[in-house]
Amino acid sequence: MPPTVASVDIVLPLEHSEDEAARREAAAGKLGIPATEIRETRLRKHSIDARQRAIKVQLRLEVGIGQDLPPEETPRWSAPALAADARSVIIVGCGPAGMFAALRCLEHGLKPILLERGKDASARRFDLAPLLREGRVIEDSNYCFGEGGAGTFSDGKLYTRATKRGPVARIYEILVAHGAPPRILTDAHPHIGSNLLPRVVKALRQSILNAGGEVRFQTKVVDFLIRGGRVHGVVTAAGAELTAGGVILATGHSARDIYQILHRREVLLESKPFAVGFRIEHPQALIDRVQYHLGRNQERPRLLPAARYRLATKIRGRGVHSFCMCPGGWIVPAATENDEVVVNGMSLSRRDSPFANSGMIVTVEPEDLAGLTARHGVLAGMVFQKSLEQAAKRAGGGGQIAPAQRVTDYLAGKTSATLPETSYFPGVRPAPLHELLPQGITSRMLEGLRLFGRQVPGYVSDRALLLGFETRTSSPVRIPRRDDTLEHPQLGGLYPCGEGAGYAGGIVSAALDGLRCADAACGAR
């Protein structure tokens, strides 16, 4: 066979998956050539198939047949020098949508002015201490607000089904160019980890600054400059008026004041479905045992990561499903105001916590909130979320203590006398969670948990714990935009973007939407 480079998919038993000789033999067999003809291999995709007791690893290899592989290009990001008179674009929000929008603006030769209500990632970490230890929320610097957005301290899951929205591989490459582990380029379900993400977002910020952009922290937008049916800029809490050729609004799903500002200014908004429920927590060893078919006292093999799961069903027209599953992770307080308790999940890159947690949520459609809609209009979903968070605060009894209940007691309709150990640092308090959500949600949750308990042995047990409430799964409000220009249909120059506008559902999809909106704002679509 003449010298060439080929791509080949192989499957190996777990125990041989890291063995280079085994990889070459399998690749040669698939290609129908002697293994001696393979000069070099390079991993391009790695995924684990644990559906059967004998766990397999699926690998995609690039192989050099009779020749070495070409040198691997190191991912990098660069932008042309910014002209002194470059047009500026204001970007509100320094999450993945905002940061990737800023990078794309610089690629197009425009100057991004990135405004973030919270602090930089280093200062933001210090502000988590009073939240965790005292139950006191610093309202513009917490798990939701600050450099990198809500994703900075929530595991950094990168897997997305949004492949039709843009170049997912390019998002991964840019992240690696800024310090993310190279394995995200090959893992089937990549993640970075909350311990590594702050370093990555700081490097992204430095690239924006080095290329001529601006990043302003603790700069909260409180109004928009609207004239002649266009947005010309923003007003900050300090009273400054900033003008630009366009405003990309990428504030994330927890910036409720932005929805209120737009609603007050009679800017068109839309209700959209969202979901609420609990965080459910199990011993990670139980999830490992079920997912990897292990014996009761058998440890997870070294080559296997902490097991994850995904559960979903539909009950009487509403989805009941797991959400943002964090293997080897922690449950964290995600409140943004002091009168509420909100729970979310995170994992470090090692995913080595003894606990596994996931959202367990039920879909809420706009028609489910007819009573609130009569009073609050398009903001009914936001008001509903807030009411649940305040109920969790009362049931928790103070600070960021979360109301909690053993899953078995939840199904039995009784308050737990005691609670198992949990990863949630502020602490938990027994509460009748079965009484605190509307009946339409509770009845579906009960039915869903019973179903999942039959599907996953041990999922329903007295060692499984529910914590209330998981409410920030997505925005209950969509800020509409035109299909052609991505501008708001009423306001030229305003580009609703990312999760907060209702067009994304995670780090990668938000980053992709940031690229799209920047292209639109720069006139490159």
Protein backbone atom coordinates (compact mmCIF):
# COMPACT_ATOMS: atom_id res chain seq x y z
CA MET A 1 0.00 0.00 0.00
CA PRO A 2 1.48 3.40 -0.93
CA PRO A 3 2.33 5.79 1.92
CA THR A 4 -0.78 7.62 3.04
CA VAL A 5 -2.72 8.96 6.03
CA ALA A 6 -6.03 7.31 6.89
CA SER A 7 -8.76 7.58 9.51
CA VAL A 8 -10.06 4.38 11.08
CA ASP A 9 -12.62 3.55 13.79
CA ILE A 10 -11.82 0.62 16.09
CA VAL A 11 -13.32 -0.95 19.21
CA LEU A 12 -11.16 -2.40 21.99
CA PRO A 13 -11.86 -3.99 25.37
CA LEU A 14 -11.40 -1.48 28.19
CA GLU A 15 -8.28 -3.20 29.51
CA HIS A 16 -6.50 -2.90 26.14
CA SER A 17 -7.74 0.53 25.13
CA GLU A 18 -4.57 2.37 26.20
CA ASP A 19 -2.22 -0.21 24.67
CA GLU A 20 -0.54 1.23 21.57
CA ALA A 21 0.25 -2.21 20.15
CA ALA A 22 -3.38 -3.27 20.50
CA ARG A 23 -4.50 -0.08 18.77
CA ARG A 24 -2.16 -0.72 15.85
CA GLU A 25 -3.25 -4.34 15.49
CA ALA A 26 -6.93 -3.39 15.51
CA ALA A 27 -6.40 -0.53 13.04
CA ALA A 28 -4.37 -2.76 10.72
CA GLY A 29 -7.05 -5.44 10.81
CA LYS A 30 -9.71 -2.88 9.95
CA LEU A 31 -7.63 -1.51 7.07
CA GLY A 32 -6.58 -4.98 5.84
CA ILE A 33 -2.84 -4.30 6.07
CA PRO A 34 0.03 -5.67 8.19
CA ALA A 35 0.50 -3.82 11.49
CA THR A 36 4.12 -3.20 10.51
CA GLU A 37 2.95 -0.80 7.79
CA ILE A 38 1.47 1.57 10.40
CA ARG A 39 4.22 4.01 11.25
CA GLU A 40 2.29 6.22 13.69
CA THR A 41 -1.18 6.66 15.23
CA ARG A 42 -2.93 9.68 16.69
CA LEU A 43 -6.15 9.66 18.75
CA ARG A 44 -9.00 11.68 17.26
CA LYS A 45 -12.06 10.47 19.21
CA HIS A 46 -12.55 8.47 22.40
CA SER A 47 -15.82 7.18 23.85
CA ILE A 48 -16.80 4.46 26.31
CA ASP A 49 -19.55 1.96 25.54
CA ALA A 50 -20.76 0.58 28.88
CA ARG A 51 -24.09 -0.81 27.68
CA GLN A 52 -22.90 -4.40 28.15
CA ARG A 53 -21.10 -6.02 31.06
CA ALA A 54 -17.94 -6.25 28.93
CA ILE A 55 -17.11 -2.56 28.56
CA LYS A 56 -15.71 -1.46 25.21
CA VAL A 57 -13.87 1.67 24.13
CA GLN A 58 -14.57 3.17 20.73
CA LEU A 59 -11.59 4.95 19.20
CA ARG A 60 -11.08 6.95 16.05
CA LEU A 61 -7.43 6.96 15.02
CA GLU A 62 -5.51 8.87 12.42
CA VAL A 63 -2.82 6.52 11.15
CA GLY A 64 0.30 7.03 9.10
CA ILE A 65 0.66 4.10 6.67
CA GLY A 66 4.25 3.85 5.51
CA GLN A 67 4.90 7.41 6.66
CA ASP A 68 4.87 9.59 9.75
CA LEU A 69 1.83 11.69 10.45
CA PRO A 70 2.14 15.39 9.65
CA PRO A 71 3.01 17.54 12.68
CA GLU A 72 0.05 18.30 14.94
CA GLU A 73 -1.00 21.93 14.77
CA THR A 74 -1.31 23.58 18.16
CA PRO A 75 -4.70 25.32 18.49
CA ARG A 76 -4.34 29.08 18.62
CA TRP A 77 -6.40 32.23 18.31
CA SER A 78 -5.39 35.52 16.76
CA ALA A 79 -6.97 38.66 15.35
CA PRO A 80 -5.71 41.39 13.00
CA ALA A 81 -4.38 44.62 14.44
CA LEU A 82 -7.24 46.90 15.43
CA ALA A 83 -7.46 50.18 13.55
CA ALA A 84 -7.38 53.35 15.63
CA ASP A 85 -10.82 54.32 14.32
CA ALA A 86 -12.35 50.82 14.61
CA ARG A 87 -16.10 50.78 15.12
CA SER A 88 -17.11 49.62 18.60
CA VAL A 89 -19.71 47.07 19.69
CA ILE A 90 -20.99 46.90 23.27
CA ILE A 91 -21.36 43.40 24.67
CA VAL A 92 -23.35 43.07 27.90
CA GLY A 93 -22.30 39.98 29.84
CA CYS A 94 -18.95 38.21 30.18
CA GLY A 95 -20.17 34.60 29.95
CA PRO A 96 -19.30 32.28 27.05
CA ALA A 97 -21.70 34.06 24.68
CA GLY A 98 -20.22 37.46 25.47
CA MET A 99 -16.58 36.38 25.47
CA PHE A 100 -16.81 34.49 22.18
CA ALA A 101 -18.75 37.38 20.65
CA ALA A 102 -15.90 39.67 21.68
CA LEU A 103 -13.31 37.37 20.10
CA ARG A 104 -15.29 37.25 16.85
CA CYS A 105 -15.71 41.05 16.79
CA LEU A 106 -11.94 41.37 17.02
CA GLU A 107 -11.51 38.89 14.17
CA HIS A 108 -13.72 41.20 12.08
CA GLY A 109 -11.72 44.29 13.06
CA LEU A 110 -14.32 45.77 15.41
CA LYS A 111 -13.61 46.84 18.99
CA PRO A 112 -15.70 45.02 21.63
CA ILE A 113 -16.49 46.82 24.87
CA LEU A 114 -17.44 43.99 27.20
CA LEU A 115 -19.46 45.03 30.27
CA GLU A 116 -19.84 42.65 33.23
CA ARG A 117 -21.84 43.40 36.37
CA GLY A 118 -19.72 40.99 38.42
CA LYS A 119 -16.03 40.69 39.17
CA ASP A 120 -13.11 38.98 37.47
CA ALA A 121 -12.72 35.24 38.09
CA SER A 122 -10.06 35.62 40.80
CA ALA A 123 -11.99 38.17 42.86
CA ARG A 124 -15.20 36.28 42.22
CA ARG A 125 -13.79 33.16 43.91
CA PHE A 126 -13.28 35.11 47.14
CA ASP A 127 -16.92 36.21 47.07
CA LEU A 128 -18.05 32.58 47.20
CA ALA A 129 -16.71 32.23 50.76
CA PRO A 130 -19.45 34.28 52.51
CA LEU A 131 -22.05 32.48 50.38
CA LEU A 132 -20.80 29.05 51.44
CA ARG A 133 -19.82 29.79 55.05
CA GLU A 134 -22.26 32.49 56.12
CA GLY A 135 -25.16 31.99 53.72
CA ARG A 136 -24.77 35.58 52.55
CA VAL A 137 -25.17 36.32 48.84
CA ILE A 138 -23.05 39.04 47.25
CA GLU A 139 -25.67 39.88 44.70
CA ASP A 140 -23.50 40.80 41.71
CA SER A 141 -20.67 38.34 42.40
CA ASN A 142 -21.63 34.71 42.99
CA TYR A 143 -21.99 31.37 41.18
CA CYS A 144 -24.10 33.05 38.46
CA PHE A 145 -22.58 36.51 37.98
CA GLY A 146 -19.00 37.39 37.13
CA GLU A 147 -16.31 36.61 34.59
CA GLY A 148 -17.12 33.45 32.61
CA GLY A 149 -20.78 33.46 33.65
CA ALA A 150 -22.59 30.66 35.43
CA GLY A 151 -20.45 28.04 33.67
CA THR A 152 -17.20 29.08 35.36
CA PHE A 153 -18.00 27.23 38.58
CA SER A 154 -20.37 24.56 37.27
CA ASP A 155 -18.24 21.72 35.90
CA GLY A 156 -17.61 23.02 32.40
CA LYS A 157 -19.56 20.39 30.49
CA LEU A 158 -18.96 20.97 26.80
CA TYR A 159 -21.01 18.24 25.19
CA THR A 160 -23.69 19.73 22.95
CA ARG A 161 -26.21 18.63 20.35
CA ALA A 162 -26.12 22.11 18.79
CA THR A 163 -23.91 20.98 15.90
CA LYS A 164 -26.11 22.72 13.32
CA ARG A 165 -25.55 26.12 14.93
CA GLY A 166 -21.91 26.44 13.99
CA PRO A 167 -18.35 25.11 14.25
CA VAL A 168 -18.30 23.22 17.56
CA ALA A 169 -14.74 22.01 16.92
CA ARG A 170 -13.57 25.62 16.64
CA ILE A 171 -15.03 26.40 20.08
CA TYR A 172 -13.04 23.51 21.55
CA GLU A 173 -9.87 24.63 19.76
CA ILE A 174 -10.17 28.18 21.09
CA LEU A 175 -10.67 26.84 24.61
CA VAL A 176 -7.57 24.63 24.27
CA ALA A 177 -5.62 27.61 22.93
CA HIS A 178 -6.48 29.34 26.20
CA GLY A 179 -5.45 26.55 28.54
CA ALA A 180 -8.25 23.96 28.47
CA PRO A 181 -6.97 20.35 28.51
CA PRO A 182 -6.36 19.01 24.97
CA ARG A 183 -8.45 15.92 25.75
CA ILE A 184 -11.61 17.97 25.13
CA LEU A 185 -10.73 17.68 21.42
CA THR A 186 -11.08 13.88 21.53
CA ASP A 187 -13.48 13.00 24.37
CA ALA A 188 -17.02 12.15 23.30
CA HIS A 189 -18.42 13.96 26.37
CA PRO A 190 -15.78 16.61 27.12
CA HIS A 191 -15.62 18.73 30.23
CA ILE A 192 -13.03 21.07 31.71
CA GLY A 193 -13.80 21.20 35.43
CA SER A 194 -14.53 24.09 37.78
CA ASN A 195 -10.95 24.11 39.04
CA LEU A 196 -9.54 24.74 35.53
CA LEU A 197 -12.22 26.97 33.99
CA PRO A 198 -11.28 30.19 35.85
CA ARG A 199 -7.79 30.00 34.33
CA VAL A 200 -9.29 29.51 30.86
CA VAL A 201 -11.69 32.46 31.11
CA LYS A 202 -8.90 34.71 32.41
CA ALA A 203 -6.81 33.75 29.38
CA LEU A 204 -9.77 34.51 27.08
CA ARG A 205 -10.05 37.93 28.69
CA GLN A 206 -6.35 38.56 28.18
CA SER A 207 -6.66 37.73 24.48
CA ILE A 208 -9.52 40.24 24.19
CA LEU A 209 -7.43 42.92 25.89
CA ASN A 210 -4.26 42.13 23.95
CA ALA A 211 -6.15 42.46 20.65
CA GLY A 212 -7.51 45.90 21.58
CA GLY A 213 -10.86 45.12 23.19
CA GLU A 214 -12.09 46.42 26.54
CA VAL A 215 -13.40 44.42 29.50
CA ARG A 216 -15.04 46.39 32.31
CA PHE A 217 -15.99 44.55 35.49
CA GLN A 218 -18.48 45.76 38.12
CA THR A 219 -20.25 47.67 35.34
CA LYS A 220 -23.95 46.97 35.59
CA VAL A 221 -26.26 48.01 32.77
CA VAL A 222 -29.44 49.66 34.08
CA ASP A 223 -30.98 51.08 30.88
CA PHE A 224 -30.66 51.31 27.12
CA LEU A 225 -30.22 54.35 24.91
CA ILE A 226 -33.10 54.09 22.45
CA ARG A 227 -33.76 56.58 19.69
CA GLY A 228 -35.59 56.29 16.39
CA GLY A 229 -36.34 52.60 16.79
CA ARG A 230 -32.68 51.70 17.42
CA VAL A 231 -30.49 50.96 20.42
CA HIS A 232 -27.48 53.27 20.38
CA GLY A 233 -25.90 52.24 23.68
CA VAL A 234 -26.44 51.60 27.37
CA VAL A 235 -26.57 53.37 30.70
CA THR A 236 -24.56 51.94 33.60
CA ALA A 237 -25.34 51.97 37.32
CA ALA A 238 -22.63 54.61 37.73
CA GLY A 239 -24.60 56.91 35.40
CA ALA A 240 -22.29 56.61 32.40
CA GLU A 241 -23.79 56.60 28.91
CA LEU A 242 -21.87 54.37 26.50
CA THR A 243 -22.64 54.47 22.79
CA ALA A 244 -21.69 52.04 20.02
CA GLY A 245 -22.74 50.78 16.62
CA GLY A 246 -24.49 47.78 18.17
CA VAL A 247 -25.32 46.16 21.50
CA ILE A 248 -25.02 42.39 21.92
CA LEU A 249 -27.13 41.45 24.94
CA ALA A 250 -25.59 38.29 26.46
CA THR A 251 -26.51 38.61 30.12
CA GLY A 252 -27.32 34.97 31.03
CA HIS A 253 -30.54 33.49 32.38
CA SER A 254 -30.27 34.97 35.90
CA ALA A 255 -30.12 38.68 34.99
CA ARG A 256 -33.80 39.19 35.76
CA ASP A 257 -33.46 42.94 36.05
CA ILE A 258 -32.68 43.09 32.30
CA TYR A 259 -36.05 41.52 31.49
CA GLN A 260 -37.72 44.01 33.84
CA ILE A 261 -35.95 46.96 32.19
CA LEU A 262 -37.00 45.83 28.72
CA HIS A 263 -40.56 45.14 29.88
CA ARG A 264 -40.78 48.58 31.45
CA ARG A 265 -39.54 50.11 28.19
CA GLU A 266 -42.32 48.16 26.38
CA VAL A 267 -39.80 46.15 24.38
CA LEU A 268 -41.29 42.96 22.97
CA LEU A 269 -40.56 39.82 25.04
CA GLU A 270 -41.95 36.28 24.80
CA SER A 271 -42.75 33.56 27.30
CA LYS A 272 -41.00 30.23 26.73
CA PRO A 273 -40.94 26.79 28.36
CA PHE A 274 -38.47 26.12 31.16
CA ALA A 275 -38.18 23.52 33.93
CA VAL A 276 -37.97 23.36 37.72
CA GLY A 277 -37.41 20.68 40.32
CA PHE A 278 -34.66 19.44 42.60
CA ARG A 279 -31.04 18.43 42.77
CA ILE A 280 -30.91 14.70 43.40
CA GLU A 281 -27.77 13.26 45.00
CA HIS A 282 -26.48 9.68 45.29
CA PRO A 283 -23.23 8.05 46.34
CA GLN A 284 -21.07 8.01 43.22
CA ALA A 285 -20.20 4.36 43.95
CA LEU A 286 -23.86 3.43 43.45
CA ILE A 287 -24.01 5.13 40.04
CA ASP A 288 -20.70 3.49 39.07
CA ARG A 289 -21.97 0.08 40.12
CA VAL A 290 -25.15 0.37 38.08
CA GLN A 291 -23.68 1.99 34.96
CA TYR A 292 -20.56 -0.18 34.81
CA HIS A 293 -22.15 -3.47 35.94
CA LEU A 294 -19.83 -3.76 38.96
CA GLY A 295 -20.15 -6.15 41.86
CA ARG A 296 -21.27 -4.78 45.23
CA ASN A 297 -17.73 -4.40 46.58
CA GLN A 298 -15.95 -3.99 43.25
CA GLU A 299 -14.10 -0.72 42.72
CA ARG A 300 -14.41 1.25 39.50
CA PRO A 301 -11.55 0.33 37.14
CA ARG A 302 -8.83 2.98 36.81
CA LEU A 303 -9.55 3.59 33.12
CA LEU A 304 -13.20 4.46 33.74
CA PRO A 305 -14.32 7.98 34.69
CA ALA A 306 -16.97 8.58 37.34
CA ALA A 307 -20.15 7.27 35.73
CA ARG A 308 -22.88 9.59 34.54
CA TYR A 309 -26.50 8.98 33.61
CA ARG A 310 -29.30 10.57 31.68
CA LEU A 311 -32.94 9.80 32.47
CA ALA A 312 -35.96 11.17 30.65
CA THR A 313 -39.64 10.49 30.15
CA LYS A 314 -42.81 12.37 29.27
CA ILE A 315 -45.77 12.34 31.65
CA ARG A 316 -49.09 13.88 30.66
CA GLY A 317 -47.49 16.13 28.07
CA ARG A 318 -44.59 17.39 30.22
CA GLY A 319 -41.00 16.25 30.28
CA VAL A 320 -39.53 14.79 33.46
CA HIS A 321 -35.78 14.34 33.18
CA SER A 322 -32.32 14.63 34.65
CA PHE A 323 -30.40 17.80 33.89
CA CYS A 324 -26.76 18.91 34.13
CA MET A 325 -25.59 15.65 35.71
CA CYS A 326 -22.36 16.11 37.70
CA PRO A 327 -20.51 12.81 38.32
CA GLY A 328 -18.05 13.01 41.20
CA GLY A 329 -19.37 16.47 41.98
CA TRP A 330 -20.82 18.85 44.53
CA ILE A 331 -24.11 20.67 44.95
CA VAL A 332 -23.61 24.43 45.28
CA PRO A 333 -25.77 27.45 46.23
CA ALA A 334 -26.68 29.40 43.08
CA ALA A 335 -28.85 32.17 44.56
CA THR A 336 -28.36 35.71 43.26
CA GLU A 337 -30.37 37.49 45.96
CA ASN A 338 -30.51 37.05 49.73
CA ASP A 339 -34.20 36.19 49.93
CA GLU A 340 -33.85 32.92 47.97
CA VAL A 341 -32.25 29.47 47.95
CA VAL A 342 -31.27 27.94 44.59
CA VAL A 343 -29.21 24.78 44.09
CA ASN A 344 -26.99 23.76 41.18
CA GLY A 345 -24.19 21.25 40.54
CA MET A 346 -20.47 21.35 39.73
CA SER A 347 -17.50 19.02 39.34
CA LEU A 348 -13.75 19.48 39.32
CA SER A 349 -11.72 18.14 36.41
CA ARG A 350 -10.91 14.94 38.35
CA ARG A 351 -14.56 14.33 39.22
CA ASP A 352 -13.39 12.61 42.39
CA SER A 353 -16.07 13.61 44.91
CA PRO A 354 -17.81 10.61 46.53
CA PHE A 355 -21.15 12.04 45.39
CA ALA A 356 -23.05 12.19 42.10
CA ASN A 357 -25.72 14.84 41.60
CA SER A 358 -28.10 15.91 38.87
CA GLY A 359 -31.03 18.16 38.34
CA MET A 360 -34.33 16.26 38.38
CA ILE A 361 -36.83 18.56 36.76
CA VAL A 362 -40.28 18.90 35.21
CA THR A 363 -41.07 21.08 32.20
CA VAL A 364 -43.26 24.13 32.75
CA GLU A 365 -45.13 25.48 29.72
CA PRO A 366 -46.41 29.08 29.59
CA GLU A 367 -50.03 27.83 29.74
CA ASP A 368 -49.30 26.22 33.12
CA LEU A 369 -48.96 29.71 34.62
CA ALA A 370 -52.24 31.23 33.48
CA GLY A 371 -53.01 32.74 36.90
CA LEU A 372 -49.64 34.45 37.17
CA THR A 373 -49.76 35.54 33.53
CA ALA A 374 -52.97 37.48 34.20
CA ARG A 375 -51.07 39.56 36.76
CA HIS A 376 -47.49 39.61 35.47
CA GLY A 377 -47.81 39.07 31.73
CA VAL A 378 -44.71 37.80 29.95
CA LEU A 379 -42.70 37.82 33.20
CA ALA A 380 -44.96 35.19 34.84
CA GLY A 381 -42.33 32.45 34.53
CA MET A 382 -39.74 34.62 36.22
CA VAL A 383 -42.14 35.42 39.05
CA PHE A 384 -42.91 31.71 39.42
CA GLN A 385 -39.21 30.81 39.64
CA LYS A 386 -38.68 33.49 42.26
CA SER A 387 -41.63 32.28 44.35
CA LEU A 388 -40.14 28.77 44.50
CA GLU A 389 -36.75 30.12 45.49
CA GLN A 390 -38.31 32.16 48.30
CA ALA A 391 -40.25 29.09 49.45
CA ALA A 392 -36.98 27.14 49.57
CA LYS A 393 -35.44 29.92 51.65
CA ARG A 394 -38.26 29.75 54.18
CA ALA A 395 -38.22 25.95 54.32
CA GLY A 396 -34.44 25.92 54.77
CA GLY A 397 -34.73 28.13 57.80
CA GLY A 398 -32.00 30.67 57.09
CA GLY A 399 -28.87 31.51 55.15
CA GLN A 400 -28.34 29.15 52.25
CA ILE A 401 -29.48 26.03 54.10
CA ALA A 402 -31.45 23.97 51.60
CA PRO A 403 -34.69 22.09 52.32
CA ALA A 404 -34.13 18.39 51.71
CA GLN A 405 -35.83 15.01 51.82
CA ARG A 406 -34.84 11.40 51.28
CA VAL A 407 -36.27 10.18 47.97
CA THR A 408 -38.07 7.31 49.72
CA ASP A 409 -39.75 9.76 52.10
CA TYR A 410 -40.68 12.04 49.21
CA LEU A 411 -42.45 9.15 47.52
CA ALA A 412 -44.14 8.22 50.82
CA GLY A 413 -45.27 11.81 51.43
CA LYS A 414 -43.54 12.29 54.77
CA THR A 415 -40.83 14.59 56.07
CA SER A 416 -37.51 12.83 56.66
CA ALA A 417 -36.55 12.34 60.30
CA THR A 418 -32.86 12.34 59.37
CA LEU A 419 -30.89 13.12 56.23
CA PRO A 420 -27.90 11.34 54.70
CA GLU A 421 -24.52 12.98 54.21
CA THR A 422 -24.44 15.50 51.39
CA SER A 423 -21.89 17.47 49.38
CA TYR A 424 -23.90 20.68 49.86
CA PHE A 425 -21.62 22.77 52.08
CA PRO A 426 -24.10 25.30 53.57
CA GLY A 427 -26.13 22.38 54.97
CA VAL A 428 -29.58 20.87 54.65
CA ARG A 429 -32.73 20.74 56.76
CA PRO A 430 -35.57 18.20 56.61
CA ALA A 431 -38.61 19.67 54.84
CA PRO A 432 -41.79 18.38 53.17
CA LEU A 433 -40.68 18.96 49.58
CA HIS A 434 -43.70 16.98 48.41
CA GLU A 435 -45.86 19.89 49.61
CA LEU A 436 -43.84 22.82 48.26
CA LEU A 437 -44.23 22.51 44.49
CA PRO A 438 -47.51 22.86 42.56
CA GLN A 439 -49.51 19.66 42.28
CA GLY A 440 -49.01 19.39 38.52
CA ILE A 441 -45.24 19.30 39.00
CA THR A 442 -45.28 17.10 42.10
CA SER A 443 -47.53 14.42 40.60
CA ARG A 444 -45.30 14.13 37.54
CA MET A 445 -42.14 14.13 39.66
CA LEU A 446 -43.50 11.29 41.79
CA GLU A 447 -44.41 9.25 38.74
CA GLY A 448 -41.09 9.98 37.07
CA LEU A 449 -39.02 9.00 40.09
CA ARG A 450 -40.90 5.71 40.45
CA LEU A 451 -40.22 4.96 36.78
CA PHE A 452 -36.52 5.82 37.08
CA GLY A 453 -36.30 3.69 40.21
CA ARG A 454 -37.46 0.71 38.17
CA GLN A 455 -35.02 1.51 35.36
CA VAL A 456 -31.96 2.10 37.56
CA PRO A 457 -31.61 -0.26 40.55
CA GLY A 458 -30.87 1.73 43.70
CA TYR A 459 -31.81 5.08 42.19
CA VAL A 460 -34.73 5.28 44.60
CA SER A 461 -33.43 4.52 48.09
CA ASP A 462 -33.04 6.15 51.48
CA ARG A 463 -29.47 7.07 50.48
CA ALA A 464 -30.77 9.25 47.63
CA LEU A 465 -31.41 12.86 48.64
CA LEU A 466 -33.54 15.61 47.08
CA LEU A 467 -32.57 19.27 47.66
CA GLY A 468 -34.77 22.22 46.74
CA PHE A 469 -34.92 23.93 44.38
CA GLU A 470 -33.34 23.69 40.94
CA THR A 471 -34.94 26.63 39.14
CA ARG A 472 -32.28 28.18 36.88
CA THR A 473 -32.28 25.51 34.19
CA SER A 474 -33.03 28.06 31.48
CA SER A 475 -34.63 31.42 30.98
CA PRO A 476 -38.45 31.55 31.19
CA VAL A 477 -38.30 34.55 28.83
CA ARG A 478 -37.14 34.83 25.25
CA ILE A 479 -35.99 38.15 23.81
CA PRO A 480 -37.08 37.76 20.16
CA ARG A 481 -34.84 38.49 17.21
CA ARG A 482 -35.16 38.51 13.44
CA ASP A 483 -34.02 35.43 11.53
CA ASP A 484 -32.11 37.45 8.94
CA THR A 485 -30.25 40.11 10.93
CA LEU A 486 -30.51 38.62 14.48
CA GLU A 487 -31.64 42.06 15.68
CA HIS A 488 -34.64 42.56 17.91
CA PRO A 489 -37.70 43.00 15.65
CA GLN A 490 -38.53 46.37 17.21
CA LEU A 491 -35.05 47.68 17.94
CA GLY A 492 -32.32 47.82 15.35
CA GLY A 493 -28.83 47.49 16.77
CA LEU A 494 -29.90 45.21 19.66
CA TYR A 495 -28.73 41.61 19.28
CA PRO A 496 -30.27 39.26 21.90
CA CYS A 497 -27.75 36.49 22.49
CA GLY A 498 -27.10 33.28 24.40
CA GLU A 499 -28.93 31.63 27.30
CA GLY A 500 -30.43 34.77 28.77
CA ALA A 501 -32.11 35.65 25.49
CA GLY A 502 -33.41 32.09 25.09
CA TYR A 503 -31.13 30.89 22.27
CA ALA A 504 -28.67 28.57 24.02
CA GLY A 505 -28.52 25.92 26.72
CA GLY A 506 -24.91 25.49 27.83
CA ILE A 507 -21.35 26.69 27.39
CA VAL A 508 -20.84 25.55 23.80
CA SER A 509 -24.23 26.52 22.42
CA ALA A 510 -23.87 29.93 24.12
CA ALA A 511 -20.40 30.39 22.61
CA LEU A 512 -21.73 29.44 19.17
CA ASP A 513 -24.55 31.94 19.52
CA GLY A 514 -22.00 34.58 20.53
CA LEU A 515 -20.15 33.97 17.27
CA ARG A 516 -23.37 34.24 15.24
CA CYS A 517 -24.46 37.46 16.91
CA ALA A 518 -21.03 39.01 16.49
CA ASP A 519 -21.07 38.11 12.79
CA ALA A 520 -24.47 39.79 12.52
CA ALA A 521 -23.38 42.89 14.44
CA CYS A 522 -20.29 43.14 12.26
CA GLY A 523 -22.30 42.77 9.06
CA ALA A 524 -20.61 39.49 8.15
CA ARG A 525 -23.64 37.19 7.96
